Amino acid sequence: MSNAGPGADVALPMRKAPIDVVRAASMLYIIGFWHLLDYTKVARWHYNFVTYRLTVGALSLFVLISGFLTGRKDGGLARGEIWGFYKTRFWRIYLPFVIASGLFLAAGVSDTFALVKGITLVAMLLAPPPFTLWFVNMIVLFYLIAPLLIGLRRNELAYIALCTVIVGAMILYQAETGRIDMRLILYFPCFAAGIFLAAGSLPSSTLSLIGLQLLAALSLVPTLARPSWSLEGDLWAAPWALFGSIAVFVVVMRAGRNLKPPAILTQFSEASFFMYLLHRPLYLWMQAVWFPSTEKAQVLYLLFVCLPIVGIVAWLCQRAYTGFLQERGVRVAAPNG
């Protein structure tokens, strides 16, 4: 989740304000709209032709950013640094994921077997995965192969060949077993694209930006004849997930290259991971404390009471956990640590 990285044609300051904007907007869409309205008793209007496609776009954008930040920070991974790469992800991503799995179990969000599959990292290969936490499970799997992707990305042909082999192997596994969660195949190209884009300069000319927007629009066409409710696991949505996320990411990075983010945006972006981990148990527990009876009141309560509380709790947990990691780092670095 680091934000450090070298420069490019599209200027990338240390905080990378455009990334904060995109990451915060994607997460707010998921937890403040797509998931939030699930907790009303009657609202179903948010499931429609447009929002199913927006959801694929938001998730794919978050995956691409994860790959991009991994590639920026760890772009010079040497063989001796790979163990450090995995240790960092263990402490920053995997351990909070395991803790969140316990909260999901306590809140009754997902069943024990699915959560055990999740923390052992086989859930996406032995579907069904745990509810909501499938996304983190998927990202952790992508991190496992990230050093290999980073090592090969300078050779474009080898990189494309490797990604093709990985996707092909997943499709073959699905054909033989029927057990893979198709979202693993759907979003892997986005992660790989993020790592690849982090290696060089982002497209910045007007012509290239227009071309990317046209490609993104065309990639939506295969989804039009598909059932909207199934798009999150439909490979016909893969072109939209890939080219849509690239197009939005590149345009926002270009448009926001001189943007100075307000402090609240930076804090929200940093807390976004913990917001994703915590929002479902918190929504359920707040719903158990008190919940209005009418749809309008339910939406207002969720939006203006529950969502801010989720943000505050996630921010506090993120700050506390970051402090714990910093303290641990000092102890480890000490002569007797």
Protein backbone atom coordinates (compact mmCIF):
# COMPACT_ATOMS: atom_id res chain seq x y z
CA MET A 1 0.00 0.00 0.00
CA SER A 2 3.00 2.24 -0.32
CA ASN A 3 2.92 5.45 -2.30
CA ALA A 4 6.57 5.91 -3.11
CA GLY A 5 7.82 5.71 -6.65
CA PRO A 6 10.04 7.25 -9.32
CA GLY A 7 8.85 9.87 -11.77
CA ALA A 8 7.36 9.40 -15.22
CA ASP A 9 6.09 11.46 -18.14
CA VAL A 10 2.97 11.96 -16.07
CA ALA A 11 4.47 13.48 -12.93
CA LEU A 12 4.05 11.28 -9.88
CA PRO A 13 4.58 13.11 -6.58
CA MET A 14 5.36 11.11 -3.47
CA ARG A 15 1.72 11.10 -2.32
CA LYS A 16 0.40 10.55 -5.84
CA ALA A 17 -2.79 12.51 -5.25
CA PRO A 18 -4.58 11.03 -8.31
CA ILE A 19 -4.12 7.54 -6.88
CA ASP A 20 -5.57 8.70 -3.57
CA VAL A 21 -8.57 10.09 -5.47
CA VAL A 22 -9.18 6.92 -7.48
CA ARG A 23 -8.60 4.55 -4.58
CA ALA A 24 -10.87 6.55 -2.26
CA ALA A 25 -13.59 6.89 -4.90
CA SER A 26 -13.51 3.17 -5.75
CA MET A 27 -13.70 2.14 -2.11
CA LEU A 28 -16.43 4.68 -1.31
CA TYR A 29 -18.51 3.33 -4.19
CA ILE A 30 -18.19 -0.25 -2.91
CA ILE A 31 -18.75 0.26 0.81
CA GLY A 32 -20.83 3.44 0.67
CA PHE A 33 -23.21 2.39 -2.10
CA TRP A 34 -22.93 -1.12 -3.48
CA HIS A 35 -22.63 -2.90 -0.14
CA LEU A 36 -24.33 -0.28 2.01
CA LEU A 37 -27.72 -0.61 0.36
CA ASP A 38 -27.67 -4.38 0.97
CA TYR A 39 -28.45 -3.56 4.60
CA THR A 40 -31.77 -1.92 3.90
CA LYS A 41 -34.80 -4.15 4.14
CA VAL A 42 -36.30 -3.16 0.82
CA ALA A 43 -33.86 -1.31 -1.46
CA ARG A 44 -32.94 -3.24 -4.59
CA TRP A 45 -32.83 -0.41 -7.09
CA HIS A 46 -29.03 -0.26 -6.90
CA TYR A 47 -28.82 -3.57 -8.78
CA ASN A 48 -29.21 -2.53 -12.41
CA PHE A 49 -27.64 -2.55 -15.88
CA VAL A 50 -25.33 0.39 -15.12
CA THR A 51 -24.25 -0.40 -11.56
CA TYR A 52 -23.22 -3.99 -12.25
CA ARG A 53 -20.79 -2.67 -14.87
CA LEU A 54 -19.64 0.15 -12.60
CA THR A 55 -18.92 -2.39 -9.87
CA VAL A 56 -16.68 -4.43 -12.15
CA GLY A 57 -14.98 -1.18 -13.13
CA ALA A 58 -14.46 -0.05 -9.53
CA LEU A 59 -13.01 -3.38 -8.40
CA SER A 60 -10.78 -3.69 -11.45
CA LEU A 61 -9.47 -0.18 -10.87
CA PHE A 62 -8.60 -1.02 -7.27
CA VAL A 63 -6.80 -4.18 -8.43
CA LEU A 64 -4.86 -2.25 -11.08
CA ILE A 65 -3.79 0.32 -8.47
CA SER A 66 -2.62 -2.51 -6.18
CA GLY A 67 -0.44 -3.82 -8.99
CA PHE A 68 0.80 -0.34 -9.88
CA LEU A 69 1.81 0.54 -6.31
CA THR A 70 3.49 -2.84 -5.90
CA GLY A 71 5.43 -2.28 -9.11
CA ARG A 72 6.40 1.30 -8.18
CA LYS A 73 7.69 0.51 -4.72
CA ASP A 74 9.27 -2.81 -5.56
CA GLY A 75 10.33 -2.08 -9.10
CA GLY A 76 13.95 -2.93 -8.31
CA LEU A 77 13.31 -6.23 -6.51
CA ALA A 78 16.52 -8.19 -6.37
CA ARG A 79 16.62 -11.88 -5.62
CA GLY A 80 17.68 -11.26 -2.03
CA GLU A 81 14.79 -8.83 -1.47
CA ILE A 82 11.96 -11.21 -2.32
CA TRP A 83 11.71 -12.56 1.23
CA GLY A 84 11.41 -8.97 2.47
CA PHE A 85 8.66 -8.36 -0.06
CA TYR A 86 6.66 -11.30 1.31
CA LYS A 87 7.28 -10.30 4.93
CA THR A 88 5.98 -6.80 4.25
CA ARG A 89 2.79 -8.16 2.67
CA PHE A 90 2.34 -10.61 5.53
CA TRP A 91 2.34 -7.86 8.13
CA ARG A 92 0.53 -5.19 6.14
CA ILE A 93 -2.08 -7.27 4.28
CA TYR A 94 -2.33 -10.88 5.39
CA LEU A 95 -2.40 -10.45 9.18
CA PRO A 96 -5.20 -7.81 9.10
CA PHE A 97 -7.04 -10.11 6.69
CA VAL A 98 -6.83 -12.98 9.20
CA ILE A 99 -8.08 -10.72 12.01
CA ALA A 100 -10.93 -9.51 9.81
CA SER A 101 -11.83 -13.13 9.07
CA GLY A 102 -12.34 -13.63 12.80
CA LEU A 103 -14.63 -10.58 12.91
CA PHE A 104 -16.61 -11.91 9.94
CA LEU A 105 -17.07 -15.18 11.81
CA ALA A 106 -18.13 -13.40 15.00
CA ALA A 107 -20.64 -11.28 13.08
CA GLY A 108 -21.99 -14.24 11.13
CA VAL A 109 -21.10 -12.67 7.79
CA SER A 110 -19.50 -15.84 6.42
CA ASP A 111 -19.28 -19.49 7.47
CA THR A 112 -16.31 -21.10 9.18
CA PHE A 113 -15.31 -23.39 6.31
CA ALA A 114 -15.19 -20.56 3.76
CA LEU A 115 -13.13 -18.40 6.14
CA VAL A 116 -10.68 -21.23 6.81
CA LYS A 117 -10.28 -21.67 3.06
CA GLY A 118 -9.69 -17.93 2.88
CA ILE A 119 -6.92 -17.71 5.46
CA THR A 120 -5.21 -20.77 3.95
CA LEU A 121 -5.37 -18.97 0.58
CA VAL A 122 -7.17 -21.76 -1.30
CA ALA A 123 -10.65 -20.23 -1.32
CA MET A 124 -10.41 -18.72 -4.81
CA LEU A 125 -9.22 -22.08 -6.15
CA LEU A 126 -11.84 -24.07 -4.23
CA ALA A 127 -14.93 -21.90 -4.56
CA PRO A 128 -16.99 -20.59 -2.92
CA PRO A 129 -14.70 -18.15 -1.11
CA PRO A 130 -15.67 -16.14 1.99
CA PHE A 131 -18.23 -13.41 1.48
CA THR A 132 -16.60 -10.04 0.62
CA LEU A 133 -13.16 -11.14 1.86
CA TRP A 134 -12.71 -13.01 -1.43
CA PHE A 135 -11.27 -9.77 -2.77
CA VAL A 136 -8.44 -9.64 -0.24
CA ASN A 137 -7.83 -13.37 -0.69
CA MET A 138 -7.44 -12.73 -4.42
CA ILE A 139 -5.04 -9.80 -3.92
CA VAL A 140 -2.86 -11.90 -1.60
CA LEU A 141 -2.64 -14.60 -4.28
CA PHE A 142 -1.58 -11.96 -6.79
CA TYR A 143 1.13 -10.77 -4.39
CA LEU A 144 2.51 -14.30 -4.27
CA ILE A 145 3.42 -14.15 -7.95
CA ALA A 146 4.22 -10.42 -8.05
CA PRO A 147 8.03 -10.86 -7.78
CA LEU A 148 7.95 -13.07 -10.88
CA LEU A 149 5.88 -10.50 -12.76
CA ILE A 150 8.18 -7.67 -11.66
CA GLY A 151 11.24 -9.65 -12.75
CA LEU A 152 9.92 -10.26 -16.28
CA ARG A 153 8.09 -7.06 -17.13
CA ARG A 154 11.06 -5.41 -18.89
CA ASN A 155 10.78 -8.12 -21.54
CA GLU A 156 7.37 -7.42 -23.06
CA LEU A 157 7.06 -10.67 -25.00
CA ALA A 158 8.09 -12.79 -22.01
CA TYR A 159 5.70 -10.84 -19.78
CA ILE A 160 2.73 -11.29 -22.11
CA ALA A 161 3.63 -14.96 -22.51
CA LEU A 162 3.79 -15.48 -18.74
CA CYS A 163 0.44 -13.75 -18.16
CA THR A 164 -1.11 -15.78 -20.99
CA VAL A 165 0.18 -19.01 -19.45
CA ILE A 166 -1.18 -18.04 -16.02
CA VAL A 167 -4.63 -17.18 -17.40
CA GLY A 168 -4.60 -20.30 -19.57
CA ALA A 169 -3.69 -22.49 -16.59
CA MET A 170 -6.56 -21.03 -14.57
CA ILE A 171 -9.01 -21.61 -17.42
CA LEU A 172 -7.78 -25.19 -17.82
CA TYR A 173 -8.10 -25.77 -14.07
CA GLN A 174 -11.65 -24.46 -14.20
CA ALA A 175 -12.48 -26.68 -17.17
CA GLU A 176 -11.18 -29.73 -15.33
CA THR A 177 -12.53 -29.05 -11.84
CA GLY A 178 -15.17 -26.32 -12.02
CA ARG A 179 -13.86 -25.10 -8.64
CA ILE A 180 -12.14 -21.81 -9.42
CA ASP A 181 -13.79 -18.50 -8.60
CA MET A 182 -13.97 -16.85 -12.02
CA ARG A 183 -13.20 -13.44 -10.55
CA LEU A 184 -9.61 -14.63 -10.14
CA ILE A 185 -9.34 -14.90 -13.92
CA LEU A 186 -11.34 -11.72 -14.49
CA TYR A 187 -9.13 -9.45 -12.38
CA PHE A 188 -5.65 -10.96 -12.77
CA PRO A 189 -4.95 -9.08 -16.04
CA CYS A 190 -5.69 -5.81 -14.21
CA PHE A 191 -3.08 -6.56 -11.54
CA ALA A 192 -0.56 -7.59 -14.20
CA ALA A 193 -1.31 -4.41 -16.17
CA GLY A 194 -0.69 -2.31 -13.07
CA ILE A 195 2.72 -3.87 -12.49
CA PHE A 196 3.59 -3.39 -16.16
CA LEU A 197 2.48 0.26 -16.24
CA ALA A 198 4.58 0.99 -13.14
CA ALA A 199 7.75 0.07 -15.03
CA GLY A 200 7.70 3.06 -17.36
CA SER A 201 5.98 6.25 -18.40
CA LEU A 202 2.21 6.40 -18.55
CA PRO A 203 0.63 7.40 -21.87
CA SER A 204 0.10 11.16 -21.78
CA SER A 205 -0.54 12.40 -25.31
CA THR A 206 -4.05 13.49 -26.23
CA LEU A 207 -4.19 10.93 -29.02
CA SER A 208 -3.24 8.04 -26.76
CA LEU A 209 -5.77 9.12 -24.14
CA ILE A 210 -8.55 9.31 -26.72
CA GLY A 211 -7.52 5.91 -28.05
CA LEU A 212 -7.72 4.40 -24.57
CA GLN A 213 -11.18 5.85 -24.01
CA LEU A 214 -12.40 4.42 -27.31
CA LEU A 215 -10.90 1.04 -26.43
CA ALA A 216 -12.61 1.14 -23.04
CA ALA A 217 -15.95 1.99 -24.68
CA LEU A 218 -15.56 -0.84 -27.18
CA SER A 219 -14.67 -3.27 -24.39
CA LEU A 220 -18.12 -2.66 -22.89
CA VAL A 221 -19.83 -3.99 -26.01
CA PRO A 222 -19.35 -7.73 -25.21
CA THR A 223 -21.09 -7.18 -21.86
CA LEU A 224 -24.25 -5.72 -23.35
CA ALA A 225 -25.76 -9.08 -24.28
CA ARG A 226 -24.75 -10.74 -21.00
CA PRO A 227 -26.91 -10.93 -17.87
CA SER A 228 -25.90 -8.00 -15.67
CA TRP A 229 -26.09 -9.97 -12.42
CA SER A 230 -23.45 -12.48 -13.64
CA LEU A 231 -20.85 -10.01 -14.92
CA GLU A 232 -18.60 -10.23 -11.86
CA GLY A 233 -17.81 -13.82 -12.81
CA ASP A 234 -18.22 -13.55 -16.58
CA LEU A 235 -15.11 -13.61 -18.76
CA TRP A 236 -16.97 -11.52 -21.34
CA ALA A 237 -16.47 -8.70 -18.86
CA ALA A 238 -12.67 -9.18 -18.82
CA PRO A 239 -11.98 -6.67 -21.63
CA TRP A 240 -14.03 -4.04 -19.79
CA ALA A 241 -12.27 -4.79 -16.49
CA LEU A 242 -8.84 -4.46 -18.12
CA PHE A 243 -9.22 -1.62 -20.62
CA GLY A 244 -11.78 0.29 -18.56
CA SER A 245 -9.49 0.37 -15.53
CA ILE A 246 -6.44 1.34 -17.60
CA ALA A 247 -8.32 4.14 -19.36
CA VAL A 248 -9.69 5.65 -16.14
CA PHE A 249 -6.38 5.30 -14.32
CA VAL A 250 -4.30 6.92 -17.05
CA VAL A 251 -6.73 9.81 -17.56
CA VAL A 252 -6.97 10.56 -13.83
CA MET A 253 -3.18 10.40 -13.44
CA ARG A 254 -2.83 12.81 -16.37
CA ALA A 255 -5.51 15.21 -15.19
CA GLY A 256 -4.41 15.20 -11.56
CA ARG A 257 -0.64 15.30 -11.97
CA ASN A 258 -0.43 18.73 -10.25
CA LEU A 259 -3.20 18.08 -7.74
CA LYS A 260 -2.45 18.62 -4.06
CA PRO A 261 -4.75 16.37 -2.06
CA PRO A 262 -6.59 17.68 0.99
CA ALA A 263 -5.54 15.95 4.20
CA ILE A 264 -8.91 14.23 4.59
CA LEU A 265 -8.54 12.56 1.19
CA THR A 266 -5.09 11.26 2.09
CA GLN A 267 -6.37 9.88 5.39
CA PHE A 268 -9.41 8.29 3.74
CA SER A 269 -7.24 6.65 1.09
CA GLU A 270 -4.88 5.25 3.70
CA ALA A 271 -7.79 3.86 5.71
CA SER A 272 -9.51 2.34 2.67
CA PHE A 273 -8.09 -1.15 3.21
CA PHE A 274 -9.33 -1.31 6.80
CA MET A 275 -12.68 0.13 5.72
CA TYR A 276 -13.06 -2.78 3.34
CA LEU A 277 -12.06 -5.29 6.01
CA LEU A 278 -14.36 -3.91 8.70
CA HIS A 279 -17.43 -2.46 7.02
CA ARG A 280 -19.70 -5.53 6.88
CA PRO A 281 -19.33 -6.57 10.56
CA LEU A 282 -19.71 -2.93 11.62
CA TYR A 283 -22.82 -2.43 9.50
CA LEU A 284 -24.39 -5.55 11.02
CA TRP A 285 -23.54 -4.59 14.59
CA MET A 286 -24.83 -1.05 14.16
CA GLN A 287 -27.96 -2.43 12.54
CA ALA A 288 -28.47 -4.65 15.59
CA VAL A 289 -28.18 -1.66 17.93
CA TRP A 290 -30.89 0.31 16.13
CA PHE A 291 -32.39 0.39 12.64
CA PRO A 292 -35.25 2.49 11.21
CA SER A 293 -38.31 0.85 9.72
CA THR A 294 -38.73 2.79 6.45
CA GLU A 295 -36.49 2.56 3.38
CA LYS A 296 -35.73 6.29 3.29
CA ALA A 297 -34.80 6.40 6.97
CA GLN A 298 -32.70 3.23 6.62
CA VAL A 299 -30.70 4.72 3.74
CA LEU A 300 -30.16 7.99 5.61
CA TYR A 301 -29.10 6.16 8.78
CA LEU A 302 -26.67 3.94 6.89
CA LEU A 303 -25.26 6.81 4.86
CA PHE A 304 -24.94 9.54 7.48
CA VAL A 305 -24.43 7.54 10.67
CA CYS A 306 -23.08 4.08 9.88
CA LEU A 307 -20.75 4.98 7.00
CA PRO A 308 -18.97 7.79 8.91
CA ILE A 309 -18.58 5.49 11.91
CA VAL A 310 -17.04 2.83 9.65
CA GLY A 311 -14.63 5.46 8.31
CA ILE A 312 -13.64 6.68 11.76
CA VAL A 313 -13.18 3.18 13.20
CA ALA A 314 -11.18 2.08 10.14
CA TRP A 315 -8.99 5.19 10.35
CA LEU A 316 -8.31 4.60 14.04
CA CYS A 317 -7.52 0.94 13.43
CA GLN A 318 -5.25 1.83 10.50
CA ARG A 319 -3.38 4.40 12.60
CA ALA A 320 -3.02 2.00 15.51
CA TYR A 321 -1.84 -0.82 13.27
CA THR A 322 0.62 1.43 11.43
CA GLY A 323 1.98 2.51 14.81
CA PHE A 324 2.32 -1.13 15.83
CA LEU A 325 4.25 -1.92 12.62
CA GLN A 326 6.54 1.07 13.10
CA GLU A 327 7.24 0.08 16.69
CA ARG A 328 7.86 -3.48 15.61
CA GLY A 329 10.24 -2.26 12.91
CA VAL A 330 12.25 -0.30 15.48
CA ARG A 331 12.46 -3.36 17.73
CA VAL A 332 13.54 -5.62 14.88
CA ALA A 333 16.17 -3.13 13.74
CA ALA A 334 17.59 -2.75 17.26
CA PRO A 335 20.87 -4.63 17.93
CA ASN A 336 19.15 -7.01 20.34
CA GLY A 337 15.79 -7.09 18.43
